[in-house]
Amino acid sequence: MSPTVPVPSQLRERIGRDVDRAYRRSRNGLRYAAGSARPKIGPTPKDVVWKRDKAEVWRYRGTTPVEWAPPVLVVHSLVSRSYVLDLYKGNSAVQFFLDAGLDVLLLDWGIADEVEAQNTLETYVDEYLPRAVEGACEATGSDEITILGYCFGGVLSLMSAARHPEMPIRNLMVMATPIDYNHMPGMTGLLKDGKVQVEELFDDTGNVPPEALESSFRILKPTAEFTQYANLWQNLWNDQWVEGYQAMNQWAGDHVPFPGAAFKQVAEQLLTNNGFVEGTLRLGGRDVDLGAITCPTLSIVAERDHIVPIDAATPLPGLLTGTEAEELRLNAGHVGLVAGRQAAKVTLPAIVQWIKDHSDRVGEDDE
């Protein structure tokens, strides 16, 4: 009988690790296929403090006392769901802001249907947004607000601030916001070349369906879906990674229609004529003059953004002639600015620091 060969401790540990990972991979694979064990989306408690039609302002409830003023109103995009900013417990930009002592509100546009098909950019820029700011101020007891516009929410915030300098905006921040549409790939080129007509994109409700927008994003990274599945298989043993993947994958497939009348204006004035950079943008018969913005402004750009490439976002400070605008470049992707480990470690702390540097400590005037 041959003698028993002892198994080195390192080999035992490796075998044990591989067996455990194989078990987790099988378990998580079954859960993923069944659609079970998904994390709770948008877990942070909130209250509706203002509402008009489908647009709502939510004020989030945190356990950390508010230490900084004014409150922060996040203005979300028209084409995606806002819960990407409050993805799930442990991965939430909203919760990060609350834990930093900020008073956080969010303007959510709802899901457009036939009623919203006739909404123009003026509807959002001249009606909803100024009233939402008023509602946020009233709900918080503040006489001014800091605005943080994300993606197309940044476009709307810039337009509204330029057209309504009387709005009580203390600070204006825009994040991953397209400015120079000559550097926006995908649908921009198709519309400019006349290969796609705007009306061809509308569905029976008179809006641009989310599938049309998702297809234009897929063109930018045609192999992204295969890469995601490969990454899923490699990390299927990792419970935390799978939790994040499920939440992000749910959000990525949960976009909303773009109101038809507003999209026509975007297609003509921004996608085709590059209105911000060329200075030709007009709403309601008046020029949109970004030079009318005088409050402290920060442009947050993502260096690895494939939806709003960095060259499309960087021209903003040069167009804000009425204020000394700053730019914050962060090593992140479009969504990585607000979600994921990189956001919690790098991007969100940098954003919070700028807010604090341009805010007041609560109660300091009373000292």
Protein backbone atom coordinates (compact mmCIF):
# COMPACT_ATOMS: atom_id res chain seq x y z
CA MET A 1 0.00 0.00 0.00
CA SER A 2 1.44 3.33 -1.00
CA PRO A 3 1.80 5.90 1.75
CA THR A 4 -0.76 8.76 2.03
CA VAL A 5 0.58 11.95 0.56
CA PRO A 6 -0.31 14.94 2.75
CA VAL A 7 -2.15 17.75 0.98
CA PRO A 8 -0.45 21.10 1.52
CA SER A 9 -2.62 23.63 3.37
CA GLN A 10 -2.56 26.08 0.45
CA LEU A 11 -3.89 23.39 -1.90
CA ARG A 12 -6.62 22.48 0.57
CA GLU A 13 -7.65 26.12 0.78
CA ARG A 14 -7.73 26.43 -2.99
CA ILE A 15 -9.83 23.28 -3.40
CA GLY A 16 -12.20 24.48 -0.72
CA ARG A 17 -12.48 27.88 -2.36
CA ASP A 18 -13.17 26.35 -5.79
CA VAL A 19 -15.84 24.04 -4.38
CA ASP A 20 -17.51 26.95 -2.58
CA ARG A 21 -17.42 29.08 -5.72
CA ALA A 22 -18.89 26.26 -7.81
CA TYR A 23 -21.76 25.97 -5.33
CA ARG A 24 -22.36 29.73 -5.31
CA ARG A 25 -22.17 29.90 -9.11
CA SER A 26 -24.83 27.18 -9.45
CA ARG A 27 -27.07 28.73 -6.81
CA ASN A 28 -26.79 32.27 -8.18
CA GLY A 29 -27.22 31.05 -11.74
CA LEU A 30 -30.53 29.42 -10.84
CA ARG A 31 -31.65 32.52 -8.95
CA TYR A 32 -30.72 34.77 -11.87
CA ALA A 33 -32.52 32.57 -14.41
CA ALA A 34 -35.62 32.51 -12.18
CA GLY A 35 -35.46 36.26 -11.59
CA SER A 36 -35.50 35.74 -7.83
CA ALA A 37 -33.38 37.26 -5.04
CA ARG A 38 -33.26 40.64 -6.76
CA PRO A 39 -32.29 43.55 -4.53
CA LYS A 40 -34.97 46.05 -3.55
CA ILE A 41 -34.76 48.99 -5.95
CA GLY A 42 -35.03 52.55 -4.60
CA PRO A 43 -34.96 51.61 -0.90
CA THR A 44 -34.43 55.05 0.66
CA PRO A 45 -37.67 56.35 2.25
CA LYS A 46 -39.08 59.51 0.71
CA ASP A 47 -42.06 61.82 0.65
CA VAL A 48 -43.73 63.54 -2.31
CA VAL A 49 -43.48 67.27 -1.53
CA TRP A 50 -44.54 68.71 -4.90
CA LYS A 51 -46.50 67.34 -7.84
CA ARG A 52 -47.74 68.58 -11.19
CA ASP A 53 -49.20 66.13 -13.69
CA LYS A 54 -46.73 63.21 -13.65
CA ALA A 55 -43.76 65.26 -12.41
CA GLU A 56 -42.98 64.86 -8.72
CA VAL A 57 -40.40 66.17 -6.27
CA TRP A 58 -39.35 63.64 -3.65
CA ARG A 59 -37.68 64.55 -0.40
CA TYR A 60 -35.61 61.72 1.03
CA ARG A 61 -35.54 60.82 4.71
CA GLY A 62 -32.18 60.04 6.26
CA THR A 63 -30.98 59.28 9.75
CA THR A 64 -28.05 61.75 9.68
CA PRO A 65 -28.94 65.29 10.77
CA VAL A 66 -28.83 67.87 7.99
CA GLU A 67 -25.56 69.78 8.37
CA TRP A 68 -25.37 71.74 5.11
CA ALA A 69 -27.59 74.26 3.36
CA PRO A 70 -29.07 74.89 0.90
CA PRO A 71 -30.84 71.62 0.02
CA VAL A 72 -29.82 69.73 -3.13
CA LEU A 73 -32.43 69.14 -5.82
CA VAL A 74 -31.43 66.41 -8.28
CA VAL A 75 -33.00 66.93 -11.72
CA HIS A 76 -33.14 63.61 -13.51
CA SER A 77 -33.18 62.83 -17.21
CA LEU A 78 -36.35 62.48 -19.27
CA VAL A 79 -35.36 59.14 -20.80
CA SER A 80 -34.36 56.91 -17.90
CA ARG A 81 -35.64 55.90 -14.48
CA SER A 82 -34.39 57.94 -11.56
CA TYR A 83 -33.84 54.99 -9.23
CA VAL A 84 -30.33 54.66 -10.68
CA LEU A 85 -29.47 57.31 -8.07
CA ASP A 86 -31.00 55.13 -5.34
CA LEU A 87 -30.23 51.73 -6.77
CA TYR A 88 -30.25 49.43 -3.74
CA LYS A 89 -29.09 49.35 -0.14
CA GLY A 90 -25.33 49.86 -0.04
CA ASN A 91 -25.24 51.27 -3.58
CA SER A 92 -27.14 54.55 -3.50
CA ALA A 93 -25.95 58.05 -4.40
CA VAL A 94 -28.97 59.46 -2.55
CA GLN A 95 -28.03 57.63 0.64
CA PHE A 96 -24.41 58.76 0.25
CA PHE A 97 -25.56 62.39 0.07
CA LEU A 98 -27.84 61.95 3.08
CA ASP A 99 -25.04 60.39 5.12
CA ALA A 100 -22.89 63.42 4.25
CA GLY A 101 -25.41 65.68 5.97
CA LEU A 102 -27.17 67.00 2.87
CA ASP A 103 -30.90 67.60 2.49
CA VAL A 104 -31.71 65.70 -0.72
CA LEU A 105 -34.66 66.04 -3.10
CA LEU A 106 -35.18 64.62 -6.58
CA LEU A 107 -37.34 65.77 -9.50
CA ASP A 108 -38.77 62.72 -11.25
CA TRP A 109 -40.67 63.21 -14.53
CA GLY A 110 -42.73 60.03 -14.46
CA ILE A 111 -43.45 57.90 -17.52
CA ALA A 112 -44.66 59.79 -20.60
CA ASP A 113 -47.78 58.61 -22.44
CA GLU A 114 -50.25 60.23 -24.87
CA VAL A 115 -50.83 63.13 -22.48
CA GLU A 116 -47.13 64.11 -22.43
CA ALA A 117 -46.63 63.71 -26.19
CA GLN A 118 -47.33 67.42 -26.71
CA ASN A 119 -44.97 68.56 -23.97
CA THR A 120 -42.31 70.87 -25.41
CA LEU A 121 -38.97 71.82 -23.93
CA GLU A 122 -40.71 74.98 -22.72
CA THR A 123 -43.10 72.78 -20.71
CA TYR A 124 -40.17 71.45 -18.71
CA VAL A 125 -37.88 74.48 -18.73
CA ASP A 126 -40.41 77.28 -18.17
CA GLU A 127 -43.20 75.54 -16.28
CA TYR A 128 -42.23 72.39 -14.41
CA LEU A 129 -38.70 73.18 -13.31
CA PRO A 130 -39.25 76.67 -11.85
CA ARG A 131 -42.36 75.42 -10.02
CA ALA A 132 -40.47 72.37 -8.76
CA VAL A 133 -37.75 74.63 -7.36
CA GLU A 134 -40.43 76.66 -5.59
CA GLY A 135 -41.91 73.46 -4.19
CA ALA A 136 -38.53 72.23 -2.98
CA CYS A 137 -37.81 75.54 -1.25
CA GLU A 138 -41.23 75.55 0.40
CA ALA A 139 -40.90 71.95 1.59
CA THR A 140 -37.47 72.53 3.12
CA GLY A 141 -38.03 76.05 4.42
CA SER A 142 -35.10 77.28 2.36
CA ASP A 143 -34.97 80.43 0.25
CA GLU A 144 -32.53 78.91 -2.26
CA ILE A 145 -31.47 75.57 -3.70
CA THR A 146 -28.52 73.74 -5.19
CA ILE A 147 -29.42 71.99 -8.45
CA LEU A 148 -27.69 68.82 -9.65
CA GLY A 149 -28.79 67.90 -13.17
CA TYR A 150 -27.92 64.40 -14.40
CA CYS A 151 -27.51 63.71 -18.14
CA PHE A 152 -30.45 65.31 -20.00
CA GLY A 153 -31.61 66.62 -16.64
CA GLY A 154 -28.51 68.81 -16.83
CA VAL A 155 -29.61 70.10 -20.24
CA LEU A 156 -33.00 71.08 -18.84
CA SER A 157 -31.37 72.66 -15.77
CA LEU A 158 -29.07 74.80 -17.90
CA MET A 159 -31.91 75.96 -20.13
CA SER A 160 -34.13 76.80 -17.19
CA ALA A 161 -31.41 78.63 -15.25
CA ALA A 162 -30.52 80.66 -18.36
CA ARG A 163 -34.13 81.61 -19.12
CA HIS A 164 -35.10 82.30 -15.50
CA PRO A 165 -32.25 84.08 -13.71
CA GLU A 166 -34.73 85.01 -10.97
CA MET A 167 -34.85 81.37 -9.82
CA PRO A 168 -33.33 80.99 -6.33
CA ILE A 169 -30.42 78.79 -7.44
CA ARG A 170 -27.40 79.04 -5.11
CA ASN A 171 -25.29 76.53 -7.06
CA LEU A 172 -25.74 74.72 -10.36
CA MET A 173 -24.13 71.36 -11.06
CA VAL A 174 -24.53 69.32 -14.22
CA MET A 175 -23.25 65.79 -14.54
CA ALA A 176 -22.59 63.76 -17.73
CA THR A 177 -24.47 66.42 -19.67
CA PRO A 178 -24.19 66.67 -23.49
CA ILE A 179 -23.25 70.15 -24.72
CA ASP A 180 -21.42 69.75 -28.06
CA TYR A 181 -23.59 67.43 -30.13
CA ASN A 182 -21.01 67.16 -32.90
CA HIS A 183 -19.31 64.71 -30.55
CA MET A 184 -22.45 62.75 -29.74
CA PRO A 185 -22.41 59.48 -31.70
CA GLY A 186 -25.29 57.21 -32.59
CA MET A 187 -28.61 58.88 -33.34
CA THR A 188 -27.06 62.33 -33.86
CA GLY A 189 -25.22 61.23 -36.98
CA LEU A 190 -28.24 59.38 -38.36
CA LEU A 191 -30.46 62.45 -37.99
CA LYS A 192 -27.84 64.84 -39.39
CA ASP A 193 -27.27 62.68 -42.45
CA GLY A 194 -30.99 62.35 -43.06
CA LYS A 195 -30.81 58.55 -42.75
CA VAL A 196 -33.50 58.71 -40.07
CA GLN A 197 -36.45 61.12 -39.99
CA VAL A 198 -37.70 62.22 -36.59
CA GLU A 199 -41.29 61.17 -37.30
CA GLU A 200 -40.12 57.62 -38.05
CA LEU A 201 -39.11 57.24 -34.42
CA PHE A 202 -42.54 57.99 -32.94
CA ASP A 203 -44.93 55.28 -31.75
CA ASP A 204 -48.74 55.38 -31.56
CA THR A 205 -48.62 57.56 -28.44
CA GLY A 206 -46.71 60.30 -30.27
CA ASN A 207 -43.58 59.68 -28.19
CA VAL A 208 -40.19 58.15 -28.94
CA PRO A 209 -40.32 54.66 -27.38
CA PRO A 210 -37.49 53.53 -25.11
CA GLU A 211 -36.55 50.79 -27.59
CA ALA A 212 -35.49 53.42 -30.15
CA LEU A 213 -33.21 55.14 -27.68
CA GLU A 214 -31.81 51.88 -26.33
CA SER A 215 -30.95 50.80 -29.89
CA SER A 216 -28.99 54.00 -30.44
CA PHE A 217 -27.01 53.33 -27.25
CA ARG A 218 -26.36 49.73 -28.34
CA ILE A 219 -24.82 51.00 -31.58
CA LEU A 220 -22.13 52.70 -29.51
CA LYS A 221 -21.01 49.42 -27.91
CA PRO A 222 -22.34 46.58 -30.07
CA THR A 223 -20.48 43.85 -28.16
CA ALA A 224 -21.40 45.16 -24.70
CA GLU A 225 -24.15 42.59 -24.14
CA PHE A 226 -21.83 39.67 -24.83
CA THR A 227 -19.18 41.19 -22.57
CA GLN A 228 -21.73 41.57 -19.79
CA TYR A 229 -22.73 37.92 -19.99
CA ALA A 230 -19.08 36.86 -19.96
CA ASN A 231 -18.49 39.00 -16.87
CA LEU A 232 -21.61 37.56 -15.27
CA TRP A 233 -20.35 34.02 -15.73
CA GLN A 234 -16.92 34.88 -14.33
CA ASN A 235 -18.42 36.55 -11.27
CA LEU A 236 -21.48 34.39 -10.75
CA TRP A 237 -19.98 33.02 -7.54
CA ASN A 238 -19.78 36.52 -6.03
CA ASP A 239 -23.08 37.31 -4.28
CA GLN A 240 -22.37 41.04 -4.01
CA TRP A 241 -21.35 41.33 -7.66
CA VAL A 242 -24.46 39.46 -8.85
CA GLU A 243 -26.67 41.69 -6.70
CA GLY A 244 -25.20 44.77 -8.36
CA TYR A 245 -25.47 43.22 -11.82
CA GLN A 246 -29.14 42.37 -11.36
CA ALA A 247 -29.99 45.87 -10.17
CA MET A 248 -28.06 47.60 -12.95
CA ASN A 249 -29.38 45.24 -15.60
CA GLN A 250 -32.93 45.93 -14.46
CA TRP A 251 -32.37 49.70 -14.70
CA ALA A 252 -30.67 49.45 -18.11
CA GLY A 253 -33.77 47.75 -19.54
CA ASP A 254 -36.21 50.08 -17.83
CA HIS A 255 -35.99 53.30 -19.84
CA VAL A 256 -39.05 55.43 -20.56
CA PRO A 257 -40.53 57.17 -23.63
CA PHE A 258 -39.25 60.60 -24.66
CA PRO A 259 -42.08 63.14 -25.11
CA GLY A 260 -42.59 63.63 -28.85
CA ALA A 261 -42.84 67.42 -29.17
CA ALA A 262 -39.78 67.94 -26.96
CA PHE A 263 -37.82 65.38 -28.95
CA LYS A 264 -38.56 67.23 -32.20
CA GLN A 265 -36.98 70.34 -30.70
CA VAL A 266 -33.99 68.39 -29.41
CA ALA A 267 -33.48 66.75 -32.81
CA GLU A 268 -33.58 70.06 -34.67
CA GLN A 269 -31.92 72.48 -32.26
CA LEU A 270 -29.39 70.27 -30.51
CA LEU A 271 -28.73 67.06 -32.45
CA THR A 272 -28.77 68.72 -35.88
CA ASN A 273 -27.88 72.39 -35.29
CA ASN A 274 -25.73 72.00 -32.15
CA GLY A 275 -27.55 74.93 -30.55
CA PHE A 276 -25.53 75.28 -27.33
CA VAL A 277 -22.16 75.58 -29.05
CA GLU A 278 -23.38 77.57 -32.07
CA GLY A 279 -25.45 79.93 -29.90
CA THR A 280 -28.59 79.30 -31.96
CA LEU A 281 -30.79 77.68 -29.32
CA ARG A 282 -34.20 79.39 -29.05
CA LEU A 283 -37.19 78.53 -26.90
CA GLY A 284 -40.47 80.40 -26.78
CA GLY A 285 -39.19 82.90 -29.32
CA ARG A 286 -36.20 83.89 -27.20
CA ASP A 287 -32.54 82.95 -27.32
CA VAL A 288 -31.24 80.66 -24.61
CA ASP A 289 -28.22 82.62 -23.38
CA LEU A 290 -26.02 80.49 -21.11
CA GLY A 291 -24.16 83.70 -20.28
CA ALA A 292 -27.18 84.70 -18.18
CA ILE A 293 -26.23 82.07 -15.59
CA THR A 294 -24.33 83.82 -12.80
CA CYS A 295 -24.36 81.33 -9.91
CA PRO A 296 -21.36 79.06 -9.13
CA THR A 297 -21.48 76.23 -11.66
CA LEU A 298 -19.75 72.85 -11.84
CA SER A 299 -19.57 70.61 -14.90
CA ILE A 300 -18.92 66.99 -13.89
CA VAL A 301 -17.62 64.88 -16.76
CA ALA A 302 -16.83 61.18 -16.90
CA GLU A 303 -13.62 60.23 -18.67
CA ARG A 304 -14.94 56.80 -19.71
CA ASP A 305 -18.46 57.85 -20.70
CA HIS A 306 -19.55 56.16 -23.95
CA ILE A 307 -23.04 57.72 -23.92
CA VAL A 308 -21.89 61.34 -23.45
CA PRO A 309 -18.23 61.25 -24.57
CA ILE A 310 -15.92 63.62 -22.76
CA ASP A 311 -15.52 65.88 -25.82
CA ALA A 312 -19.30 66.37 -25.85
CA ALA A 313 -19.38 67.49 -22.21
CA THR A 314 -16.24 69.63 -21.79
CA PRO A 315 -17.19 72.81 -23.73
CA LEU A 316 -19.65 74.00 -21.06
CA PRO A 317 -17.37 76.19 -18.88
CA GLY A 318 -16.32 78.21 -21.93
CA LEU A 319 -19.97 78.99 -22.72
CA LEU A 320 -20.81 80.22 -19.22
CA THR A 321 -19.50 83.75 -19.64
CA GLY A 322 -21.47 85.13 -16.69
CA THR A 323 -19.77 83.03 -14.03
CA GLU A 324 -16.48 81.29 -13.31
CA ALA A 325 -17.53 77.76 -14.03
CA GLU A 326 -15.45 74.82 -12.88
CA GLU A 327 -14.97 71.38 -14.36
CA LEU A 328 -14.54 68.17 -12.42
CA ARG A 329 -13.16 65.25 -14.44
CA LEU A 330 -13.68 61.86 -12.87
CA ASN A 331 -12.42 58.43 -13.87
CA ALA A 332 -15.79 56.81 -14.38
CA GLY A 333 -18.39 55.84 -16.95
CA HIS A 334 -21.79 57.41 -17.50
CA VAL A 335 -23.55 55.38 -14.82
CA GLY A 336 -20.40 54.83 -12.78
CA LEU A 337 -20.60 58.47 -11.70
CA VAL A 338 -23.54 57.62 -9.45
CA ALA A 339 -23.56 53.85 -8.95
CA GLY A 340 -21.03 51.18 -8.06
CA ARG A 341 -17.94 50.87 -5.92
CA GLN A 342 -16.01 53.50 -7.87
CA ALA A 343 -18.79 56.01 -7.25
CA ALA A 344 -18.71 55.49 -3.48
CA LYS A 345 -14.91 55.71 -3.34
CA VAL A 346 -14.10 58.45 -5.84
CA THR A 347 -16.88 60.28 -7.66
CA LEU A 348 -19.51 60.88 -4.97
CA PRO A 349 -16.98 62.10 -2.36
CA ALA A 350 -15.62 64.63 -4.88
CA ILE A 351 -19.13 65.86 -5.70
CA VAL A 352 -20.08 66.15 -2.03
CA GLN A 353 -16.92 68.10 -1.29
CA TRP A 354 -17.74 70.68 -3.97
CA ILE A 355 -21.26 71.03 -2.58
CA LYS A 356 -19.91 71.58 0.93
CA ASP A 357 -17.35 74.10 -0.33
CA HIS A 358 -20.22 76.11 -1.84
CA SER A 359 -22.70 75.70 1.00
CA ASP A 360 -23.17 76.88 4.58
CA ARG A 361 -23.14 74.84 7.75
CA VAL A 362 -26.63 74.68 9.22
CA GLY A 363 -26.93 77.07 12.13
CA GLU A 364 -23.62 78.85 11.57
CA ASP A 365 -25.41 82.18 11.12
CA ASP A 366 -26.81 81.79 14.62
CA GLU A 367 -23.42 81.31 16.28
